[in-house]
Each structure stands twice: as structure tokens, then as C-alpha cells.
């Protein structure tokens, strides 16, 4: 089923070793300076840090919803697309929102969704 020696990707491994994980809500309470220091220590970008934290937070929220569904006797999602539909977002949506909210993303920066457009012409477009 699983390959022997399967490991966590190096960036996430170093990030979670570096960041203070004593609090169950540590991902939400991190200051921008702590995220920058983690990126520096782990030799990655701030976007990598945000992505790793967003995936971790999103997975915890998915787990809570799955436990609630199981307790209520409702059917469990069968694939990742159904989990995303249940949650209403993807982990990377959360990362993009956090980057913009923290003020780390310039409107003229490339969009983190990978579209090769500027943020202001893509995901940061005003409705």
C-alpha cells in the first residue's frame, strides 16, 4: 500500500520542525516576522511557508468535518473533488488569501495561482 521510506517533502518537514507547534492553533497565530524567519531558516519563499501552513490548516478543518459527518451518519466524500466541494475551497485558496491579508503580496506581483498574470488582473481583481 505505502512505499517504505515515504517521507514528508523537505520544505514542510523543516518548516514544522522550525515553527512553534506547541499550540493547536499555531498556524493561525503566527506573526509575519515568524513566517519570514521560517522561510529564511528553511531556505524557501514566504509563499512556500504560507502554502505549507494553509495545507496543514485545511487538512485539520477537513478532519473535523469528516468526524462530524461520521457522527451524524451522513455519507463520506469518496474523492478529493468531493472533499473540496464539501469545504468550499482548496488549501491554496487559503494560502492566497493569507498572503493578501498580510500585505505581503503586491497587486503587481505574479499571481500565486500560476496563471502568469499579475495578481491585480487575476485573483485580486475587484468584483
Protein backbone atom coordinates (compact mmCIF):
# COMPACT_ATOMS: atom_id res chain seq x y z
CA UNK A 1 0.00 0.00 0.00
CA UNK A 2 2.57 2.61 1.08
CA UNK A 3 6.15 2.59 -0.05
CA UNK A 4 8.65 2.06 2.67
CA UNK A 5 10.58 5.21 3.47
CA UNK A 6 7.83 7.57 2.31
CA UNK A 7 8.73 10.99 3.67
CA UNK A 8 7.28 14.44 4.12
CA UNK A 9 8.59 16.89 1.49
CA UNK A 10 11.76 18.58 2.83
CA UNK A 11 10.38 22.13 2.96
CA UNK A 12 7.36 21.15 5.05
CA UNK A 13 9.49 18.93 7.27
CA UNK A 14 11.89 21.78 8.06
CA UNK A 15 9.07 24.28 8.48
CA UNK A 16 7.20 22.21 11.04
CA UNK A 17 10.40 21.50 12.92
CA UNK A 18 11.22 25.21 13.00
CA UNK A 19 7.80 26.66 13.81
CA UNK A 20 6.44 26.52 17.36
CA UNK A 21 3.94 23.68 17.23
CA UNK A 22 3.01 23.52 20.91
CA UNK A 23 -0.30 25.30 20.36
CA UNK A 24 -3.07 23.51 18.43
CA UNK A 25 -3.85 26.77 16.60
CA UNK A 26 -0.26 27.77 15.93
CA UNK A 27 -0.84 28.17 12.17
CA UNK A 28 -3.38 30.93 12.69
CA UNK A 29 -1.43 32.80 15.37
CA UNK A 30 1.90 33.18 13.59
CA UNK A 31 3.20 36.68 13.07
CA UNK A 32 4.57 37.77 9.70
CA UNK A 33 8.04 38.07 11.23
CA UNK A 34 7.88 34.41 12.35
CA UNK A 35 6.88 33.32 8.85
CA UNK A 36 9.72 35.32 7.31
CA UNK A 37 12.20 33.81 9.75
CA UNK A 38 10.91 30.32 8.96
CA UNK A 39 11.33 30.97 5.24
CA UNK A 40 14.87 32.20 5.83
CA UNK A 41 15.80 29.23 8.04
CA UNK A 42 14.31 26.69 5.65
CA UNK A 43 15.69 28.35 2.51
CA UNK A 44 12.30 28.80 0.87
CA UNK A 45 9.96 31.64 -0.03
CA UNK A 46 7.24 33.18 2.08
CA UNK A 47 4.72 31.73 -0.36
CA UNK A 48 6.10 28.23 0.36
CA UNK A 49 5.59 28.85 4.08
CA UNK A 50 2.03 30.10 3.51
CA UNK A 51 1.25 27.10 1.27
CA UNK A 52 2.52 24.61 3.85
CA UNK A 53 0.61 26.28 6.69
CA UNK A 54 -2.55 26.53 4.58
CA UNK A 55 -2.40 22.83 3.68
CA UNK A 56 -1.93 21.90 7.32
CA UNK A 57 -4.80 24.13 8.49
CA UNK A 58 -7.07 22.96 5.67
CA UNK A 59 -6.36 19.30 6.50
CA UNK A 60 -7.27 19.89 10.16
CA UNK A 61 -10.56 21.51 9.12
CA UNK A 62 -11.32 18.64 6.72
CA UNK A 63 -10.69 16.16 9.53
CA UNK A 64 -13.12 17.99 11.83
CA UNK A 65 -15.84 18.00 9.14
CA UNK A 66 -15.29 14.30 8.39
CA UNK A 67 -15.62 13.39 12.07
CA UNK A 68 -18.83 15.43 12.25
CA UNK A 69 -20.24 13.71 9.14
CA UNK A 70 -19.40 10.30 10.56
CA UNK A 71 -21.07 11.12 13.90
CA UNK A 72 -24.21 12.29 12.09
CA UNK A 73 -24.24 9.14 9.95
CA UNK A 74 -24.04 11.06 6.68
CA UNK A 75 -22.20 9.65 3.65
CA UNK A 76 -18.49 10.38 3.44
CA UNK A 77 -16.96 12.01 0.33
CA UNK A 78 -15.41 9.39 -1.96
CA UNK A 79 -12.73 11.50 -3.66
CA UNK A 80 -10.74 14.71 -3.32
CA UNK A 81 -13.05 16.71 -5.60
CA UNK A 82 -15.99 15.93 -3.31
CA UNK A 83 -13.93 16.93 -0.26
CA UNK A 84 -13.13 20.26 -1.93
CA UNK A 85 -16.82 20.76 -2.70
CA UNK A 86 -17.68 19.98 0.94
CA UNK A 87 -15.10 22.51 2.18
CA UNK A 88 -15.89 25.13 -0.45
CA UNK A 89 -12.22 25.84 -1.13
CA UNK A 90 -8.80 24.35 -1.73
CA UNK A 91 -5.74 24.64 0.51
CA UNK A 92 -4.09 27.03 -1.94
CA UNK A 93 -7.10 29.38 -1.87
CA UNK A 94 -6.44 29.80 1.85
CA UNK A 95 -2.74 30.47 1.21
CA UNK A 96 -3.51 33.17 -1.37
CA UNK A 97 -5.98 34.83 0.98
CA UNK A 98 -3.41 34.83 3.81
CA UNK A 99 -0.72 36.38 1.60
CA UNK A 100 -3.02 39.19 0.50
CA UNK A 101 -4.37 39.77 4.01
CA UNK A 102 -0.86 40.05 5.46
CA UNK A 103 0.06 42.66 2.86
CA UNK A 104 2.93 40.55 1.54
CA UNK A 105 1.52 40.33 -1.96
CA UNK A 106 1.75 43.36 -4.19
CA UNK A 107 -1.04 43.87 -6.68
CA UNK A 108 1.61 43.93 -9.42
CA UNK A 109 3.22 40.65 -8.31
CA UNK A 110 2.66 37.48 -10.35
CA UNK A 111 -0.49 35.70 -9.23
CA UNK A 112 0.20 32.67 -7.00
CA UNK A 113 -2.41 30.61 -8.86
CA UNK A 114 0.13 30.09 -11.66
CA UNK A 115 -1.75 31.90 -14.41
CA UNK A 116 1.30 34.08 -15.26
CA UNK A 117 -0.91 37.17 -14.97
CA UNK A 118 -0.45 39.95 -12.46
CA UNK A 119 -2.32 39.45 -9.21
CA UNK A 120 -4.49 42.54 -9.85
CA UNK A 121 -5.61 41.15 -13.23
CA UNK A 122 -6.31 37.63 -11.94
CA UNK A 123 -7.31 36.55 -8.41
CA UNK A 124 -7.03 40.07 -6.98
CA UNK A 125 -9.45 41.57 -9.45
CA UNK A 126 -12.13 43.70 -7.80
CA UNK A 127 -15.67 42.38 -8.44
